[in-house]
Protein backbone atom coordinates (compact mmCIF):
# COMPACT_ATOMS: atom_id res chain seq x y z
CA MET A 1 0.00 0.00 0.00
CA VAL A 2 1.28 3.48 -0.83
CA THR A 3 2.10 5.70 2.14
CA PRO A 4 -0.82 8.08 2.95
CA ASP A 5 -0.40 11.83 3.08
CA PRO A 6 0.37 13.49 6.46
CA VAL A 7 -3.26 14.35 7.21
CA ASP A 8 -4.36 10.75 6.65
CA ALA A 9 -1.40 9.49 8.68
CA ARG A 10 -2.37 11.61 11.69
CA LEU A 11 -5.99 10.52 11.36
CA LEU A 12 -5.02 6.83 11.25
CA ALA A 13 -2.56 7.18 14.14
CA LEU A 14 -5.22 8.73 16.38
CA LEU A 15 -7.72 6.05 15.40
CA ALA A 16 -5.19 3.28 16.10
CA GLU A 17 -4.79 4.51 19.67
CA SER A 18 -8.44 4.02 20.60
CA GLY A 19 -9.35 1.31 18.12
CA ARG A 20 -12.92 2.59 18.01
CA ALA A 21 -14.15 6.17 17.98
CA ALA A 22 -16.84 8.40 16.52
CA VAL A 23 -15.85 10.33 13.40
CA HIS A 24 -16.71 13.73 14.90
CA GLU A 25 -14.52 12.97 17.95
CA LEU A 26 -11.51 12.15 15.78
CA ALA A 27 -12.13 15.28 13.73
CA ALA A 28 -12.38 17.46 16.84
CA LYS A 29 -9.07 16.16 18.22
CA LEU A 30 -7.31 16.96 14.95
CA GLY A 31 -9.14 20.24 14.28
CA MET A 32 -10.69 18.90 11.06
CA ASP A 33 -14.11 19.26 9.47
CA PRO A 34 -16.08 16.10 10.42
CA ARG A 35 -17.25 15.66 6.83
CA GLU A 36 -13.69 15.72 5.51
CA ALA A 37 -12.61 13.23 8.20
CA ALA A 38 -15.47 10.90 7.27
CA THR A 39 -14.63 11.09 3.56
CA ARG A 40 -10.96 10.38 4.24
CA LEU A 41 -11.76 7.39 6.47
CA ILE A 42 -14.14 5.91 3.90
CA THR A 43 -11.51 6.34 1.18
CA LEU A 44 -8.87 4.70 3.39
CA SER A 45 -11.26 1.84 4.12
CA GLY A 46 -11.73 1.27 0.39
CA SER A 47 -7.94 1.15 -0.11
CA GLY A 48 -7.67 -2.18 1.70
CA LEU A 49 -6.84 -1.04 5.24
CA PRO A 50 -8.41 -3.04 8.11
CA LEU A 51 -10.80 -0.18 8.79
CA LEU A 52 -14.59 -0.14 9.01
CA VAL A 53 -16.55 3.13 8.95
CA GLY A 54 -20.13 2.89 10.20
CA VAL A 55 -22.97 4.67 11.95
CA GLU A 56 -25.30 3.91 14.83
CA CYS A 57 -28.88 4.96 15.41
CA ASP A 58 -32.06 4.36 17.36
CA PRO A 59 -33.98 2.21 14.83
CA ASN A 60 -37.39 2.98 16.30
CA GLY A 61 -36.67 6.69 16.40
CA ILE A 62 -35.47 6.71 12.78
CA ARG A 63 -38.53 4.78 11.58
CA LYS A 64 -40.84 7.12 13.46
CA ALA A 65 -39.11 10.18 12.01
CA LEU A 66 -39.33 8.80 8.47
CA ALA A 67 -42.97 7.81 8.86
CA ASN A 68 -43.97 11.20 10.27
CA SER A 69 -42.03 13.10 7.60
CA MET A 70 -43.46 11.11 4.68
CA ALA A 71 -46.98 11.28 6.06
CA TRP A 72 -46.89 15.06 5.54
CA GLY A 73 -44.94 14.97 2.27
CA ASN A 74 -41.78 16.50 3.74
CA TYR A 75 -39.24 13.71 3.28
CA ALA A 76 -37.28 14.08 0.04
CA GLY A 77 -34.51 11.57 0.67
CA PRO A 78 -30.93 12.14 1.83
CA PRO A 79 -29.03 15.29 0.81
CA ALA A 80 -27.35 15.23 -2.58
CA GLY A 81 -23.79 13.92 -2.43
CA GLN A 82 -24.25 12.09 0.89
CA VAL A 83 -21.95 9.07 1.14
CA ARG A 84 -23.87 5.81 1.42
CA GLY A 85 -21.44 3.04 0.67
CA THR A 86 -17.79 2.02 0.62
CA PRO A 87 -15.78 3.39 -2.30
CA SER A 88 -13.61 1.20 -4.45
CA GLY A 89 -10.43 1.94 -6.34
CA PRO A 90 -6.77 2.48 -5.49
CA TYR A 91 -5.65 4.74 -2.69
CA PRO A 92 -4.11 8.07 -3.80
CA GLY A 93 -0.34 7.84 -4.04
CA ALA A 94 2.30 9.73 -2.09
CA GLY A 95 2.58 13.35 -3.02
CA THR A 96 -1.14 13.84 -3.34
CA PRO A 97 -1.88 17.26 -1.83
CA SER A 98 -3.97 17.24 1.31
CA GLY A 99 -7.43 18.70 1.20
CA PRO A 100 -11.03 17.62 0.59
CA TYR A 101 -11.46 14.55 -1.57
CA PRO A 102 -13.77 14.76 -4.61
CA PRO A 103 -17.40 13.81 -3.95
CA TYR A 104 -17.93 10.08 -3.88
CA ALA A 105 -20.43 8.61 -6.33
CA PRO A 106 -22.38 5.78 -4.67
CA PRO A 107 -22.44 2.39 -6.43
CA GLN A 108 -25.30 1.77 -8.83
CA GLY A 109 -28.01 -0.59 -7.71
CA PRO A 110 -31.71 -0.88 -7.14
CA PRO A 111 -33.11 2.10 -5.23
CA SER A 112 -33.85 1.56 -1.57
CA GLN A 113 -37.48 1.39 -0.60
CA PRO A 114 -38.59 3.93 2.00
CA PHE A 115 -40.52 2.86 5.04
CA PRO A 116 -44.25 3.09 4.32
CA ALA A 117 -46.19 5.77 6.10
CA GLN A 118 -48.23 4.46 8.99
CA PRO A 119 -51.99 4.49 8.27
CA GLN A 120 -53.74 7.21 10.18
CA PRO A 121 -56.89 6.24 12.13
CA HIS A 122 -60.09 7.80 10.84
CA GLN A 123 -61.26 10.72 12.88
CA SER A 124 -63.88 13.36 12.47
CA GLY A 125 -63.17 17.07 12.48
CA PRO A 126 -60.15 18.95 11.20
CA VAL A 127 -56.77 17.24 11.19
CA PRO A 128 -54.38 18.91 13.67
CA ALA A 129 -51.21 20.38 12.22
CA PRO A 130 -48.07 18.34 12.91
CA GLU A 131 -45.64 19.54 15.55
CA PRO A 132 -42.33 20.86 14.17
CA MET A 133 -39.65 18.21 14.38
CA SER A 134 -35.85 18.47 14.23
CA VAL A 135 -34.42 15.07 13.44
CA TRP A 136 -31.09 15.29 11.69
CA GLY A 137 -29.28 18.34 13.04
CA VAL A 138 -25.93 19.49 11.72
CA PRO A 139 -23.50 16.67 10.77
CA GLY A 140 -20.66 16.33 13.23
CA THR A 141 -22.49 17.88 16.17
CA SER A 142 -24.57 16.54 19.03
CA GLY A 143 -27.64 17.45 16.98
CA TRP A 144 -26.83 14.54 14.63
CA ALA A 145 -29.23 12.41 16.65
CA ARG A 146 -32.88 12.17 17.52
CA GLY A 147 -34.64 15.51 17.76
CA ASP A 148 -35.75 14.84 21.32
CA GLN A 149 -32.23 14.01 22.55
CA GLN A 150 -29.89 16.92 21.88
CA PRO A 151 -27.43 17.45 24.75
CA THR A 152 -25.50 20.68 24.90
CA PRO A 153 -22.09 20.03 23.28
CA ARG A 154 -18.92 20.63 25.28
CA SER A 155 -15.60 21.45 23.75
CA ARG A 156 -12.97 18.82 24.52
CA THR A 157 -10.19 20.45 22.52
CA GLY A 158 -8.26 23.67 22.83
CA LYS A 159 -4.85 25.29 22.73
CA ILE A 160 -2.28 26.32 25.32
CA GLY A 161 -4.05 28.53 27.86
CA SER A 162 -7.49 26.98 27.26
CA ALA A 163 -9.57 25.72 30.19
CA LEU A 164 -11.68 22.68 29.20
CA GLU A 165 -14.51 20.97 31.11
CA THR A 166 -14.67 17.23 31.77
CA GLU A 167 -15.63 14.64 34.39
CA GLY A 168 -13.71 12.21 36.58
CA LEU A 169 -14.37 8.49 36.93
CA GLU A 170 -16.51 9.01 40.04
CA GLY A 171 -18.52 11.88 38.57
CA ALA A 172 -16.41 14.81 39.74
CA ARG A 173 -16.95 17.87 37.51
CA LEU A 174 -13.59 19.31 36.51
CA THR A 175 -12.16 22.26 34.63
CA ILE A 176 -8.57 21.69 33.50
CA GLN A 177 -6.35 24.42 32.09
CA LEU A 178 -3.13 23.85 30.18
CA VAL A 179 -1.18 26.81 31.54
CA GLU A 180 2.26 26.35 29.97
CA VAL A 181 4.47 23.97 28.00
CA VAL A 182 8.22 24.46 28.47
CA ASP A 183 10.00 22.80 25.55
CA PRO A 184 12.88 22.25 25.87
CA ALA A 185 13.21 22.31 29.64
CA ASP A 186 16.72 20.84 29.89
CA PHE A 187 17.92 23.66 32.14
CA LEU A 188 15.14 22.96 34.66
CA PHE A 189 15.85 19.23 34.51
CA THR A 190 19.59 19.53 35.08
CA ALA A 191 19.16 22.24 37.74
CA ALA A 192 17.21 19.71 39.80
CA GLY A 193 20.20 17.34 39.76
CA TYR A 194 19.10 15.01 36.94
CA LYS A 195 21.08 14.13 33.82
CA LEU A 196 19.84 13.66 30.29
CA ALA A 197 21.32 10.98 28.06
CA PRO A 198 22.83 12.08 24.74
CA GLY A 199 20.04 12.75 22.24
CA GLU A 200 17.38 13.37 24.93
CA ARG A 201 15.48 16.48 25.95
CA ALA A 202 13.12 17.36 28.78
CA VAL A 203 9.67 18.94 28.56
CA VAL A 204 7.67 20.40 31.47
CA VAL A 205 3.88 20.86 31.31
CA HIS A 206 2.02 23.07 33.80
CA THR A 207 -1.69 22.29 34.35
CA GLU A 208 -4.32 23.44 36.82
CA LEU A 209 -7.37 21.39 37.82
CA ALA A 210 -10.46 22.98 39.39
CA ASN A 211 -13.12 20.80 41.01
CA THR A 212 -16.34 22.67 40.19
CA GLY A 213 -18.77 19.98 41.39
CA LYS A 214 -19.71 18.40 44.70
CA VAL A 215 -17.87 15.08 44.29
CA PRO A 216 -14.21 14.84 45.42
CA PHE A 217 -11.60 14.03 42.80
CA ASN A 218 -9.43 11.39 44.48
CA ALA A 219 -6.86 10.65 41.78
CA LEU A 220 -3.54 12.19 40.75
CA PRO A 221 -4.47 14.98 38.29
CA ASP A 222 -1.70 14.15 35.80
CA MET A 223 -1.77 10.36 36.10
CA TYR A 224 -2.67 9.96 32.40
CA LEU A 225 -1.45 13.30 31.06
CA VAL A 226 0.61 12.43 27.97
CA LEU A 227 2.33 14.14 25.07
CA MET A 228 1.19 13.29 21.54
CA THR A 229 3.85 13.28 18.83
CA THR A 230 3.31 14.19 15.19
CA THR A 231 3.76 10.50 14.34
CA GLY A 232 0.84 9.49 16.57
CA GLU A 233 2.90 8.10 19.47
CA THR A 234 2.38 8.96 23.14
CA VAL A 235 4.99 9.99 25.69
CA GLY A 236 4.18 9.26 29.34
CA LYS A 237 5.32 11.27 32.33
CA ALA A 238 8.77 10.70 33.77
CA PRO A 239 9.01 9.49 37.40
CA VAL A 240 10.78 12.66 38.56
CA SER A 241 9.78 15.97 40.12
CA LEU A 242 11.47 19.36 40.06
CA SER A 243 11.87 21.50 43.16
CA SER A 244 11.47 24.66 41.07
CA ARG A 245 8.29 23.32 39.45
CA PRO A 246 6.24 21.48 42.14
CA PRO A 247 4.38 18.34 40.99
CA HIS A 248 0.68 17.59 41.36
CA LYS A 249 -0.64 16.10 44.60
CA ILE A 250 -3.29 13.41 44.86
CA GLY A 251 -6.88 14.61 45.24
CA VAL A 252 -8.78 17.86 44.66
CA GLN A 253 -11.75 18.62 46.90
CA PRO A 254 -14.96 20.31 45.69
CA GLY A 255 -14.44 24.04 45.21
CA GLU A 256 -10.64 23.74 45.19
CA THR A 257 -8.12 24.42 42.42
CA ALA A 258 -4.77 22.63 42.35
CA GLY A 259 -1.83 23.18 40.04
CA GLY A 260 1.22 21.12 39.27
CA HIS A 261 4.00 20.38 36.80
CA THR A 262 4.59 17.17 34.85
CA VAL A 263 8.03 16.21 33.49
CA TYR A 264 8.68 14.25 30.29
CA VAL A 265 11.91 12.90 28.77
CA LEU A 266 11.93 12.13 25.05
CA PRO A 267 14.27 12.09 22.02
CA GLU A 268 15.42 15.59 21.17
CA ASP A 269 14.24 15.32 17.55
CA THR A 270 10.67 14.23 18.44
CA ALA A 271 8.06 16.85 17.51
CA ILE A 272 5.13 17.35 19.91
CA PHE A 273 1.69 17.84 18.36
CA SER A 274 -0.63 18.00 21.40
CA VAL A 275 -1.13 17.34 25.13
CA ARG A 276 -3.84 14.85 26.12
CA TRP A 277 -5.58 14.35 29.48
CA SER A 278 -7.66 11.29 30.42
CA SER A 279 -9.05 9.94 33.65
CA ARG A 280 -8.10 6.38 32.60
CA PRO A 281 -5.36 4.73 30.49
CA GLU A 282 -7.53 4.63 27.36
CA THR A 283 -9.30 7.58 25.77
CA ASP A 284 -13.05 8.13 26.12
CA LEU A 285 -15.68 10.84 25.69
CA ASN A 286 -14.19 12.81 28.62
CA THR A 287 -10.67 12.95 27.15
CA LEU A 288 -9.25 16.45 26.63
CA VAL A 289 -6.73 17.49 23.96
CA TRP A 290 -4.74 20.72 23.64
CA THR A 291 -2.94 21.28 20.35
CA ILE A 292 0.48 22.92 20.27
CA ASP A 293 1.25 25.40 17.51
CA ASP A 294 4.63 25.25 15.86
C-alpha cells in the first residue's frame, strides 16, 4: 500500500490509539471538518486497510421520524452527495496534496425502498397540524441524533491557555487548564540534579485542575497526562519531580483548584503535536486534547 499523506497518517494514528471512535470525535481532536474526516476514512477503508466506517442509530426513532415526515410529504430523501457506501479503487499515491477529496459517487443498484407511512386512524373534524420536528441536526455535532435528545455540546479540545470541562471516573466535575508547556526544559531538569542521556530532551507541562462539582476528585491529576507526537505516538510522564516546578498532589476537593507540573523525557528530535488528558489509560468521551502550535 502506498504511504498516505500526512493528514491521513495523523488521522489513522489517532484512530489506532483508541481502536474505536466516533468520526466527529476524531475530527475534533485533529481540528478537522467532520465531513472531511469521514470522507478520508471511507476512502482509506476502500484502499484495503483493516478499517470499518459505520454509523449507529435508534432504529425505532429513525422509523418514526421517516414515517412522520413522509406522512406530511416533507421527506425528500438524503441530501445530494451524501456518502452511502464504501468506495472502491486504489488509494491516492504519495505526493497527493492534502485537502477535501472529490465527492464520492455511490455504487449503482436498485433504489432503496422507503418505510411506508403508517396508516392514520379515521377521525372526524379537522386534522391537527403536525408539531415541528428536528431530526437530523448538523452533521458532526450533538444534533446529529434524535430531535428529542440533543445534549448541549462541550468542547474537549483547545490550545495552550485553554480551560476545558470534563468529568472524573466518580462523577467529579472538573475544569482543566493547560497553563504552559516548556520545551525544551533541559535547564530545569539539570538544575534539579538530573542528567539527560545524549540525544534526549526534557519537557515540562504546567496544568491546573479545578473541582467545580460536589464530588471529590481522588486521583492524581496528571496520572494519564501524555504528550502526543506528530507520528501518533504517546509519551508518558517521567518518574521525577522538580523543586522549582512542584508536581501535582493526589486529590482535589470540591471548590478547590490545584496546580502542578509534569516532566517528560523524550528524544530531542521528536516533535510534539498536542497534550492529552484522560481519567483512565484509554481515551473516552471525557478525554481532553490541547494542540500545540509550531
